[in-house]
Amino acid sequence: MISIFLLAVVVVVVFLALAFISAAAVKNEPHEGGETMVRKVYVYLVLFATLMMIIGGSVAAFMAATDLIAPAPYHQTYAEFRQFGGNDKTLNPSSQDLTEDEWMARYQNLVDAEKQRQADRAKNNLIKSLGWVIIPLPVFIFFQRRFLGQPEQH
């Protein structure tokens, strides 16, 4: 997510530099219309930046939704859990005294806790990603309607 933001910032800086260079070049020319061109470059720059944020947020939201719908499976098997959890008597001195059902219950609790953690993380990422869509969307719509919805004036 941060890389999308950094990419958007770099693109905005490049476009602003181009806008200032073109504005300086237009100011030196004797014909009118320089302000109109700078204004158009600015509008297109804002539209491009907000559109990139919306697209990046949409992709991230889709990925978070897929993590919520189909989370990654838990990778430790029951046999591995028994082997590594049962042999270390310093961490768990009562592990020798557990029955097979108690071991299975502990393993299932661990798996359920991991699934819940993944679901919580996916919900958090989904909300953050939707922010990247919801926040720039009104700016995009405003600039599109305000400046591109007008007929060209000559």
Protein backbone atom coordinates (compact mmCIF):
# COMPACT_ATOMS: atom_id res chain seq x y z
CA MET A 1 0.00 0.00 0.00
CA ILE A 2 2.83 2.35 0.83
CA SER A 3 4.47 1.64 -2.52
CA ILE A 4 1.28 2.69 -4.32
CA PHE A 5 1.29 5.93 -2.36
CA LEU A 6 4.95 6.59 -3.14
CA LEU A 7 4.34 5.90 -6.81
CA ALA A 8 1.43 8.35 -6.81
CA VAL A 9 3.58 10.99 -5.10
CA VAL A 10 6.38 10.55 -7.64
CA VAL A 11 3.93 10.81 -10.53
CA VAL A 12 2.36 13.94 -9.04
CA VAL A 13 5.77 15.56 -8.57
CA VAL A 14 6.76 14.75 -12.17
CA PHE A 15 3.50 16.14 -13.53
CA LEU A 16 3.82 19.29 -11.41
CA ALA A 17 7.34 19.82 -12.72
CA LEU A 18 6.11 19.39 -16.29
CA ALA A 19 3.24 21.78 -15.63
CA PHE A 20 5.57 24.46 -14.29
CA ILE A 21 8.00 24.01 -17.18
CA SER A 22 5.22 24.24 -19.74
CA ALA A 23 3.73 27.25 -17.93
CA ALA A 24 7.07 29.01 -18.04
CA ALA A 25 7.42 28.22 -21.73
CA VAL A 26 3.91 29.49 -22.46
CA LYS A 27 4.51 32.73 -20.51
CA ASN A 28 7.43 33.54 -22.76
CA GLU A 29 5.30 33.13 -25.89
CA PRO A 30 3.31 36.13 -27.11
CA HIS A 31 -0.04 34.35 -27.64
CA GLU A 32 -2.84 33.94 -25.10
CA GLY A 33 -4.10 30.68 -23.65
CA GLY A 34 -1.22 29.88 -21.30
CA GLU A 35 -3.40 30.02 -18.22
CA THR A 36 -5.91 27.70 -19.85
CA MET A 37 -3.21 25.15 -20.61
CA VAL A 38 -1.78 25.28 -17.08
CA ARG A 39 -5.28 24.89 -15.69
CA LYS A 40 -5.93 21.87 -17.93
CA VAL A 41 -2.61 20.28 -16.96
CA TYR A 42 -3.48 20.80 -13.30
CA VAL A 43 -6.96 19.32 -13.71
CA TYR A 44 -5.64 16.30 -15.59
CA LEU A 45 -2.92 15.87 -12.97
CA VAL A 46 -5.47 15.85 -10.16
CA LEU A 47 -7.71 13.46 -12.09
CA PHE A 48 -4.79 11.14 -12.81
CA ALA A 49 -3.53 11.11 -9.23
CA THR A 50 -6.97 10.48 -7.73
CA LEU A 51 -7.72 7.81 -10.33
CA MET A 52 -4.46 6.02 -9.48
CA MET A 53 -5.36 6.14 -5.78
CA ILE A 54 -8.83 4.75 -6.50
CA ILE A 55 -7.45 1.94 -8.68
CA GLY A 56 -4.77 1.04 -6.12
CA GLY A 57 -7.31 1.06 -3.30
CA SER A 58 -9.71 -1.08 -5.33
CA VAL A 59 -7.04 -3.69 -6.01
CA ALA A 60 -5.99 -3.74 -2.36
CA ALA A 61 -9.64 -3.99 -1.24
CA PHE A 62 -10.20 -6.91 -3.62
CA MET A 63 -7.13 -8.68 -2.23
CA ALA A 64 -8.28 -8.09 1.36
CA ALA A 65 -11.76 -9.38 0.52
CA THR A 66 -10.29 -12.56 -0.99
CA ASP A 67 -8.21 -13.05 2.17
CA LEU A 68 -11.40 -12.69 4.19
CA ILE A 69 -13.41 -15.09 2.01
CA ALA A 70 -10.68 -17.68 1.42
CA PRO A 71 -7.95 -17.30 4.06
CA ALA A 72 -4.61 -19.06 3.74
CA PRO A 73 -4.70 -22.49 5.41
CA TYR A 74 -2.94 -23.18 8.68
CA HIS A 75 0.33 -24.94 7.86
CA GLN A 76 1.31 -26.79 11.03
CA THR A 77 -0.10 -30.31 11.08
CA TYR A 78 -1.35 -32.04 14.19
CA ALA A 79 1.66 -34.38 14.15
CA GLU A 80 4.07 -31.41 14.06
CA PHE A 81 2.13 -29.73 16.85
CA ARG A 82 2.40 -32.89 18.98
CA GLN A 83 6.08 -33.33 18.21
CA PHE A 84 7.19 -29.78 18.91
CA GLY A 85 4.66 -28.94 21.59
CA GLY A 86 5.00 -32.18 23.53
CA ASN A 87 8.76 -32.69 23.63
CA ASP A 88 9.71 -29.40 25.24
CA LYS A 89 9.08 -30.06 28.92
CA THR A 90 10.69 -26.76 29.98
CA LEU A 91 7.98 -24.75 28.21
CA ASN A 92 5.13 -27.07 29.03
CA PRO A 93 5.96 -29.39 31.95
CA SER A 94 2.41 -30.81 32.10
CA SER A 95 2.44 -31.86 28.43
CA GLN A 96 3.22 -35.49 29.33
CA ASP A 97 0.02 -35.72 31.34
CA LEU A 98 -2.33 -34.70 28.51
CA THR A 99 -4.63 -37.17 26.83
CA GLU A 100 -5.01 -37.42 23.07
CA ASP A 101 -8.33 -35.55 23.22
CA GLU A 102 -6.73 -32.71 25.19
CA TRP A 103 -3.93 -32.51 22.62
CA MET A 104 -6.47 -32.37 19.81
CA ALA A 105 -8.44 -29.65 21.63
CA ARG A 106 -5.27 -27.57 22.07
CA TYR A 107 -4.40 -27.99 18.41
CA GLN A 108 -7.92 -27.04 17.33
CA ASN A 109 -7.82 -23.95 19.57
CA LEU A 110 -4.53 -22.95 17.94
CA VAL A 111 -5.96 -23.41 14.43
CA ASP A 112 -9.13 -21.49 15.31
CA ALA A 113 -7.11 -18.64 16.86
CA GLU A 114 -4.96 -18.39 13.72
CA LYS A 115 -8.04 -18.31 11.47
CA GLN A 116 -9.55 -15.57 13.61
CA ARG A 117 -6.30 -13.57 13.49
CA GLN A 118 -6.21 -13.84 9.69
CA ALA A 119 -9.84 -12.76 9.42
CA ASP A 120 -9.25 -9.76 11.70
CA ARG A 121 -6.17 -8.76 9.69
CA ALA A 122 -8.14 -9.08 6.41
CA LYS A 123 -10.98 -6.91 7.79
CA ASN A 124 -8.48 -4.28 8.91
CA ASN A 125 -6.81 -4.26 5.49
CA LEU A 126 -10.18 -4.07 3.75
CA ILE A 127 -11.19 -1.00 5.74
CA LYS A 128 -7.84 0.68 5.05
CA SER A 129 -8.09 -0.12 1.35
CA LEU A 130 -11.62 1.23 1.10
CA GLY A 131 -10.26 4.49 2.51
CA TRP A 132 -8.03 4.69 -0.58
CA VAL A 133 -11.19 4.48 -2.70
CA ILE A 134 -13.64 6.56 -0.67
CA ILE A 135 -11.39 9.54 0.11
CA PRO A 136 -10.15 10.44 -3.42
CA LEU A 137 -13.44 9.52 -5.16
CA PRO A 138 -15.29 12.79 -4.32
CA VAL A 139 -12.26 14.81 -5.44
CA PHE A 140 -12.18 12.91 -8.73
CA ILE A 141 -15.91 13.38 -9.31
CA PHE A 142 -15.76 17.08 -8.40
CA PHE A 143 -12.88 17.82 -10.78
CA GLN A 144 -14.39 15.74 -13.55
CA ARG A 145 -17.78 17.45 -13.36
CA ARG A 146 -16.49 20.94 -12.64
CA PHE A 147 -13.75 21.19 -15.22
CA LEU A 148 -14.38 18.48 -17.82
CA GLY A 149 -18.15 18.71 -17.86
CA GLN A 150 -18.05 22.27 -19.22
CA PRO A 151 -18.17 22.87 -22.95
CA GLU A 152 -14.95 24.24 -24.43
CA GLN A 153 -14.91 28.07 -24.49
CA HIS A 154 -13.10 29.76 -27.37
